[in-house]
Amino acid sequence: MFLPCLAIILFIVVEPTTVAGWNIALSITSQAGGAFGGEPFLIQPVVIVNNKKGELQSSFQGRMTVQAHTFPNGKYEAVWKKGEVVPTTASDTFISESVVNGQVAFAGLGIDTAGGGCQLNFVLYDEHGLIMGIAIGDEFTVNVGEKFQLGFVIQPEMAYGGSVFGSQ
């Protein structure tokens, strides 16, 4: 008796939040790539808004947000946009771009921490703030960027055990 009632309650609670009924299909035509910590991605993501038949929705009005979906170290890693404040927690992440002619072309996005297995999460909102679709990008690697590399201006000269290097 209890289980059938629970199933009905779950259906009522879960069903209104589903976005499967919208005639929107997102397509990531340019995946993030060429990522170096502390620098904008060399390849910036582009997401196309289509209907489920694959037709471009050039008159769609709305915006898309992006944030890190997965990161291998298990910690939160902020996706930042060049020239904007870097978010410090997942709830602060709100990088948003408008949909223009059925596409969203991000620019200046980056991640500071190096590592592999990174993915981006894209969420599409209509002009009323309703979630219309979600897309998750392919995995990519953030390499150690110049900002975080150690460089040697002068190489130490030869030294023998217990003695000081000739130049430091």
C-alpha atoms as a PDB file:
ATOM      1  CA  MET A   1       0.000   0.000   0.000  1.00  0.00           C
ATOM      2  CA  PHE A   2       2.778   2.445   0.904  1.00  0.00           C
ATOM      3  CA  LEU A   3       4.928   1.809  -2.211  1.00  0.00           C
ATOM      4  CA  PRO A   4       2.247   2.626  -4.847  1.00  0.00           C
ATOM      5  CA  CYS A   5       1.402   5.849  -2.993  1.00  0.00           C
ATOM      6  CA  LEU A   6       5.103   6.783  -2.889  1.00  0.00           C
ATOM      7  CA  ALA A   7       5.411   6.173  -6.631  1.00  0.00           C
ATOM      8  CA  ILE A   8       2.491   8.510  -7.320  1.00  0.00           C
ATOM      9  CA  ILE A   9       3.962  11.194  -5.066  1.00  0.00           C
ATOM     10  CA  LEU A  10       7.372  10.873  -6.751  1.00  0.00           C
ATOM     11  CA  PHE A  11       5.748  11.169 -10.172  1.00  0.00           C
ATOM     12  CA  ILE A  12       3.932  14.327  -9.162  1.00  0.00           C
ATOM     13  CA  VAL A  13       7.072  15.899  -7.672  1.00  0.00           C
ATOM     14  CA  VAL A  14       9.515  14.889 -10.429  1.00  0.00           C
ATOM     15  CA  GLU A  15       7.386  15.289 -13.572  1.00  0.00           C
ATOM     16  CA  PRO A  16       7.026  19.123 -13.611  1.00  0.00           C
ATOM     17  CA  THR A  17      10.821  19.650 -13.427  1.00  0.00           C
ATOM     18  CA  THR A  18      11.625  17.656 -16.564  1.00  0.00           C
ATOM     19  CA  VAL A  19      12.724  19.576 -19.680  1.00  0.00           C
ATOM     20  CA  ALA A  20      12.139  16.679 -22.083  1.00  0.00           C
ATOM     21  CA  GLY A  21       8.981  18.312 -23.466  1.00  0.00           C
ATOM     22  CA  TRP A  22      10.745  21.369 -24.932  1.00  0.00           C
ATOM     23  CA  ASN A  23      11.469  21.301 -28.649  1.00  0.00           C
ATOM     24  CA  ILE A  24      15.109  22.294 -28.093  1.00  0.00           C
ATOM     25  CA  ALA A  25      18.277  20.359 -28.881  1.00  0.00           C
ATOM     26  CA  LEU A  26      21.679  21.845 -28.067  1.00  0.00           C
ATOM     27  CA  SER A  27      24.711  21.066 -30.180  1.00  0.00           C
ATOM     28  CA  ILE A  28      28.261  21.951 -29.124  1.00  0.00           C
ATOM     29  CA  THR A  29      29.952  22.748 -32.439  1.00  0.00           C
ATOM     30  CA  SER A  30      33.238  23.930 -30.946  1.00  0.00           C
ATOM     31  CA  GLN A  31      34.510  22.160 -27.829  1.00  0.00           C
ATOM     32  CA  ALA A  32      36.817  23.911 -25.335  1.00  0.00           C
ATOM     33  CA  GLY A  33      40.430  23.071 -26.092  1.00  0.00           C
ATOM     34  CA  GLY A  34      44.004  24.277 -25.993  1.00  0.00           C
ATOM     35  CA  ALA A  35      43.612  24.964 -22.285  1.00  0.00           C
ATOM     36  CA  PHE A  36      46.518  26.239 -20.192  1.00  0.00           C
ATOM     37  CA  GLY A  37      46.072  27.137 -16.514  1.00  0.00           C
ATOM     38  CA  GLY A  38      45.621  30.854 -15.952  1.00  0.00           C
ATOM     39  CA  GLU A  39      45.061  31.635 -19.638  1.00  0.00           C
ATOM     40  CA  PRO A  40      41.928  31.740 -21.834  1.00  0.00           C
ATOM     41  CA  PHE A  41      41.266  28.547 -23.807  1.00  0.00           C
ATOM     42  CA  LEU A  42      42.801  28.642 -27.294  1.00  0.00           C
ATOM     43  CA  ILE A  43      39.574  27.112 -28.639  1.00  0.00           C
ATOM     44  CA  GLN A  44      36.461  28.681 -27.105  1.00  0.00           C
ATOM     45  CA  PRO A  45      33.176  26.752 -26.964  1.00  0.00           C
ATOM     46  CA  VAL A  46      30.284  27.478 -29.333  1.00  0.00           C
ATOM     47  CA  VAL A  47      26.812  26.032 -28.727  1.00  0.00           C
ATOM     48  CA  ILE A  48      24.027  25.981 -31.340  1.00  0.00           C
ATOM     49  CA  VAL A  49      20.315  26.056 -30.430  1.00  0.00           C
ATOM     50  CA  ASN A  50      18.320  23.721 -32.713  1.00  0.00           C
ATOM     51  CA  ASN A  51      14.877  22.188 -32.554  1.00  0.00           C
ATOM     52  CA  LYS A  52      14.663  18.402 -32.223  1.00  0.00           C
ATOM     53  CA  LYS A  53      14.572  18.111 -36.040  1.00  0.00           C
ATOM     54  CA  GLY A  54      18.025  19.752 -36.137  1.00  0.00           C
ATOM     55  CA  GLU A  55      16.814  23.083 -37.526  1.00  0.00           C
ATOM     56  CA  LEU A  56      18.590  26.228 -36.291  1.00  0.00           C
ATOM     57  CA  GLN A  57      16.417  28.340 -33.984  1.00  0.00           C
ATOM     58  CA  SER A  58      17.728  31.743 -35.090  1.00  0.00           C
ATOM     59  CA  SER A  59      14.847  33.642 -33.447  1.00  0.00           C
ATOM     60  CA  PHE A  60      15.343  32.058 -29.988  1.00  0.00           C
ATOM     61  CA  GLN A  61      15.710  34.705 -27.274  1.00  0.00           C
ATOM     62  CA  GLY A  62      17.619  33.795 -24.143  1.00  0.00           C
ATOM     63  CA  ARG A  63      21.007  33.243 -22.608  1.00  0.00           C
ATOM     64  CA  MET A  64      23.355  30.401 -21.726  1.00  0.00           C
ATOM     65  CA  THR A  65      25.495  29.898 -18.643  1.00  0.00           C
ATOM     66  CA  VAL A  66      28.655  27.820 -18.359  1.00  0.00           C
ATOM     67  CA  GLN A  67      30.491  26.301 -15.407  1.00  0.00           C
ATOM     68  CA  ALA A  68      32.770  23.347 -14.667  1.00  0.00           C
ATOM     69  CA  HIS A  69      30.885  20.048 -14.750  1.00  0.00           C
ATOM     70  CA  THR A  70      33.696  17.694 -13.697  1.00  0.00           C
ATOM     71  CA  PHE A  71      37.247  18.205 -12.600  1.00  0.00           C
ATOM     72  CA  PRO A  72      39.603  15.327 -11.736  1.00  0.00           C
ATOM     73  CA  ASN A  73      40.827  16.566  -8.357  1.00  0.00           C
ATOM     74  CA  GLY A  74      37.262  16.503  -6.985  1.00  0.00           C
ATOM     75  CA  LYS A  75      37.460  20.138  -5.880  1.00  0.00           C
ATOM     76  CA  TYR A  76      35.435  22.998  -7.296  1.00  0.00           C
ATOM     77  CA  GLU A  77      37.293  24.741 -10.101  1.00  0.00           C
ATOM     78  CA  ALA A  78      35.970  28.058 -11.332  1.00  0.00           C
ATOM     79  CA  VAL A  79      35.537  28.741 -15.008  1.00  0.00           C
ATOM     80  CA  TRP A  80      36.365  32.406 -15.415  1.00  0.00           C
ATOM     81  CA  LYS A  81      35.994  34.943 -18.187  1.00  0.00           C
ATOM     82  CA  LYS A  82      38.830  37.297 -19.004  1.00  0.00           C
ATOM     83  CA  GLY A  83      38.148  40.738 -17.551  1.00  0.00           C
ATOM     84  CA  GLU A  84      35.516  39.538 -15.055  1.00  0.00           C
ATOM     85  CA  VAL A  85      35.721  38.627 -11.353  1.00  0.00           C
ATOM     86  CA  VAL A  86      36.749  34.989 -10.797  1.00  0.00           C
ATOM     87  CA  PRO A  87      34.013  33.072  -8.920  1.00  0.00           C
ATOM     88  CA  THR A  88      35.071  31.457  -5.642  1.00  0.00           C
ATOM     89  CA  THR A  89      32.310  28.860  -5.132  1.00  0.00           C
ATOM     90  CA  ALA A  90      30.050  26.845  -7.419  1.00  0.00           C
ATOM     91  CA  SER A  91      27.080  29.013  -6.473  1.00  0.00           C
ATOM     92  CA  ASP A  92      28.989  32.150  -7.566  1.00  0.00           C
ATOM     93  CA  THR A  93      29.666  30.789 -11.047  1.00  0.00           C
ATOM     94  CA  PHE A  94      27.496  32.743 -13.400  1.00  0.00           C
ATOM     95  CA  ILE A  95      29.223  33.296 -16.702  1.00  0.00           C
ATOM     96  CA  SER A  96      26.442  34.083 -19.119  1.00  0.00           C
ATOM     97  CA  GLU A  97      26.274  34.888 -22.828  1.00  0.00           C
ATOM     98  CA  SER A  98      23.261  35.853 -24.930  1.00  0.00           C
ATOM     99  CA  VAL A  99      21.925  33.658 -27.719  1.00  0.00           C
ATOM    100  CA  VAL A 100      22.507  35.490 -31.022  1.00  0.00           C
ATOM    101  CA  ASN A 101      21.041  34.086 -34.244  1.00  0.00           C
ATOM    102  CA  GLY A 102      20.606  30.674 -32.622  1.00  0.00           C
ATOM    103  CA  GLN A 103      24.140  30.337 -31.293  1.00  0.00           C
ATOM    104  CA  VAL A 104      26.190  31.175 -28.232  1.00  0.00           C
ATOM    105  CA  ALA A 105      29.873  31.910 -28.857  1.00  0.00           C
ATOM    106  CA  PHE A 106      31.845  32.136 -25.626  1.00  0.00           C
ATOM    107  CA  ALA A 107      35.046  34.181 -25.483  1.00  0.00           C
ATOM    108  CA  GLY A 108      37.798  34.586 -22.894  1.00  0.00           C
ATOM    109  CA  LEU A 109      36.909  31.485 -20.818  1.00  0.00           C
ATOM    110  CA  GLY A 110      39.632  29.773 -18.780  1.00  0.00           C
ATOM    111  CA  ILE A 111      40.404  27.568 -15.776  1.00  0.00           C
ATOM    112  CA  ASP A 112      43.400  28.069 -13.477  1.00  0.00           C
ATOM    113  CA  THR A 113      44.131  24.567 -12.173  1.00  0.00           C
ATOM    114  CA  ALA A 114      45.850  22.050 -14.449  1.00  0.00           C
ATOM    115  CA  GLY A 115      44.466  18.544 -14.846  1.00  0.00           C
ATOM    116  CA  GLY A 116      42.784  16.120 -17.222  1.00  0.00           C
ATOM    117  CA  GLY A 117      39.177  14.991 -17.476  1.00  0.00           C
ATOM    118  CA  CYS A 118      37.627  18.478 -17.326  1.00  0.00           C
ATOM    119  CA  GLN A 119      34.146  19.036 -18.741  1.00  0.00           C
ATOM    120  CA  LEU A 120      31.974  22.130 -19.098  1.00  0.00           C
ATOM    121  CA  ASN A 121      28.252  22.290 -18.338  1.00  0.00           C
ATOM    122  CA  PHE A 122      26.076  24.580 -20.489  1.00  0.00           C
ATOM    123  CA  VAL A 123      22.540  25.572 -19.419  1.00  0.00           C
ATOM    124  CA  LEU A 124      20.149  27.349 -21.810  1.00  0.00           C
ATOM    125  CA  TYR A 125      17.515  29.739 -20.413  1.00  0.00           C
ATOM    126  CA  ASP A 126      14.693  31.397 -22.322  1.00  0.00           C
ATOM    127  CA  GLU A 127      13.809  35.078 -21.956  1.00  0.00           C
ATOM    128  CA  HIS A 128      11.674  34.250 -18.884  1.00  0.00           C
ATOM    129  CA  GLY A 129      14.493  32.440 -17.060  1.00  0.00           C
ATOM    130  CA  LEU A 130      13.140  28.909 -17.676  1.00  0.00           C
ATOM    131  CA  ILE A 131      15.701  26.169 -18.287  1.00  0.00           C
ATOM    132  CA  MET A 132      15.247  25.000 -21.882  1.00  0.00           C
ATOM    133  CA  GLY A 133      18.181  22.621 -22.254  1.00  0.00           C
ATOM    134  CA  ILE A 134      21.475  21.356 -20.852  1.00  0.00           C
ATOM    135  CA  ALA A 135      24.590  20.193 -22.679  1.00  0.00           C
ATOM    136  CA  ILE A 136      27.819  18.742 -21.278  1.00  0.00           C
ATOM    137  CA  GLY A 137      31.011  19.205 -23.262  1.00  0.00           C
ATOM    138  CA  ASP A 138      33.660  16.627 -24.105  1.00  0.00           C
ATOM    139  CA  GLU A 139      36.527  15.999 -21.704  1.00  0.00           C
ATOM    140  CA  PHE A 140      39.622  18.140 -22.141  1.00  0.00           C
ATOM    141  CA  THR A 141      42.910  18.721 -20.333  1.00  0.00           C
ATOM    142  CA  VAL A 142      44.085  21.945 -18.736  1.00  0.00           C
ATOM    143  CA  ASN A 143      47.869  22.020 -19.120  1.00  0.00           C
ATOM    144  CA  VAL A 144      50.206  23.910 -16.809  1.00  0.00           C
ATOM    145  CA  GLY A 145      50.206  27.461 -18.103  1.00  0.00           C
ATOM    146  CA  GLU A 146      53.077  29.947 -18.273  1.00  0.00           C
ATOM    147  CA  LYS A 147      51.611  31.783 -15.285  1.00  0.00           C
ATOM    148  CA  PHE A 148      52.253  28.708 -13.106  1.00  0.00           C
ATOM    149  CA  GLN A 149      55.539  27.405 -14.564  1.00  0.00           C
ATOM    150  CA  LEU A 150      58.921  27.804 -12.957  1.00  0.00           C
ATOM    151  CA  GLY A 151      61.589  29.234 -15.180  1.00  0.00           C
ATOM    152  CA  PHE A 152      65.323  29.403 -14.615  1.00  0.00           C
ATOM    153  CA  VAL A 153      67.023  32.599 -15.678  1.00  0.00           C
ATOM    154  CA  ILE A 154      70.481  31.310 -14.777  1.00  0.00           C
ATOM    155  CA  GLN A 155      71.419  27.662 -14.512  1.00  0.00           C
ATOM    156  CA  PRO A 156      73.585  26.875 -11.485  1.00  0.00           C
ATOM    157  CA  GLU A 157      77.221  26.128 -12.228  1.00  0.00           C
ATOM    158  CA  MET A 158      78.895  22.909 -11.294  1.00  0.00           C
ATOM    159  CA  ALA A 159      79.415  22.248  -7.632  1.00  0.00           C
ATOM    160  CA  TYR A 160      80.890  19.405  -5.627  1.00  0.00           C
ATOM    161  CA  GLY A 161      79.331  17.701  -2.632  1.00  0.00           C
ATOM    162  CA  GLY A 162      79.293  19.977   0.389  1.00  0.00           C
ATOM    163  CA  SER A 163      80.299  23.099  -1.578  1.00  0.00           C
ATOM    164  CA  VAL A 164      78.285  26.097  -2.768  1.00  0.00           C
ATOM    165  CA  PHE A 165      77.276  26.466  -6.430  1.00  0.00           C
ATOM    166  CA  GLY A 166      79.542  28.878  -8.344  1.00  0.00           C
ATOM    167  CA  SER A 167      76.505  30.906  -9.487  1.00  0.00           C
ATOM    168  CA  GLN A 168      72.994  30.909  -8.093  1.00  0.00           C
END
